[in-house]
Amino acid sequence: MFDGDVPRAEADIGLGFFATDTPGIGGQIKTHAEDFRVAEDSAPVREARGEGKYTLARIRARNWETHRLARKLAKHLGIAEREVYFTGTKDKRAVTEQNIAIQAPEQRVREISLGDVTVVDTWRVDRAPKLGEHEANTFHVTVRDLDPGLDEARRRAEAIRDEVLEMGGFPNFFGPQRFGSVRPVTHRVGRQLVHGNLEDAVWTYIAYPSRHDPPRIREEREEIFASRDVECARESLPERFDHEHRMLEHLAEDPDDAVGAIHTLPLNLARLFVSAYQSYCFNRALTERAQTGHPGQAEQGDVLVPVDPRGNPDKDRNIPVREANADRCGDATRRGWGLPTGLLPGYDEGPADALQGDIERRILEDEGISTEDFHLLELPKLSADGTRRPMWCPLETCEVEAGCDDRGDHVTVSFTLPKGNYATCLLREFMKTDLAAYR
């Protein structure tokens, strides 16, 4: 168990092991939007029915990223984007179903007409949902371009499913999309920001080469990254790289103003950099913890978090595991009532104690940082206070179906995850293939 032989690109973002021993089925997800279906369970919002000022709509969308969908809905209804509320963001290349609250009359919401958008149901509610309020997400993911033949792929997938269910879950890594699915460099930008190397952060975002870039783009990025030539970069990079070009335009006017260049980016994008670096540190710690034991079983010195029946953590109730309560905490993890956590470092959250604390301190030392470094003095809005996250994602049911349709052989994996957990981190156990397969 806990095989450390992973593709290099995964190791680069801290994904250092597989929890299952069975060889993977390879393949590719999201070959078609219909191959990745996710439905949000927002039970707390459904219970909020009333005659209030919000229309809550159950919306099914195909190939719509959630923020873009919210903008289009607002424009279509003639309201401000801030009057459209959702509880979680969903992938673009997918068929998604989620609840979205809109400050508009119910009849107008029912009559929404946008391409590949269907209003499944509507009702009035007294309040809008809050980000993160949903309970879970149910996935039906189809893997195509399988490495082995269909019969062998079925056998492997069923064996992996059995391994995962026997363990009661899988490592709760941050998935590839956290770091940039096409070009996973956001954590590298974040590392430079936390170190205070703002110019390096700017050029890492603009030009750090990725093995997933097309060869010509990769060569151009390598040259630009080495030279840091603004005019060369403006001429070489395709115009579709609009964020990079905004930064370059600013640098053309003021070459020494790295802070200003970063300010040209949308705030939600800029905040992802430090967040991705925190996630990378977490992934590294989870990888190291697995070398000493099961990440889902409590050890003295851990910080335990209680979880609800759906596996969602109560982040306001961190419980240090001490000698006096170690037996009770161990029992809680075995019964699925609590989970050990790992550190997302920040200026207000430090390492645990004992074994887990040693791991977390060692990673901070290896990265050459302290938790105080997450106070970004020149970019205060990008500062991170830190938190803790369960190291294990519970999983009670998982179904595997293998077959052939008009698009060829495939394996479909169906499962439900607590909110905030990555489907790709379960799928990687089944596929065990290159990072690009999870885009």
Foldseek 3Di string as FASTA:
>chain_A
DFAQDADPVCVVLLQGTFPDDFDFFAFFWLPAQAQKEKEFAQVVQVVQFDAAQKKKWWKKAAQDWPLNVLVVVCVQQVHDSVQKDFAETDDRSYTYIGIIIGRDDNVVVCPDDDPRMHGPDIGHGRDGDYHNNTWWMKIKHKGPPTPDDQVVLQVRLVSLQVSQQVVQFTFQADAQVLQPLQARCLQVLLLCLLVVNLVLSLLSVQQVAGPSDDPQSRVQSVVCSVPVDLVSSCVRDDVVVPLNVQLSVVCVVPVVCSLVSLVSDPLVSSLSSNVSNLSSLQSNLLSVVVVVHDQFADDQQFWKFFADPQRHTPQVDTDHHHPVCVVVRRVCSVVSGIGTKAKSAALQDAATDDPSRVSSVVSCVVSVHDRNSLCRPSCNSSRDHIGIDGRTWGFNDKDWDWDADPVGTIIIIIGMTTPPGDPVSSVCSNNSDDSSSHD
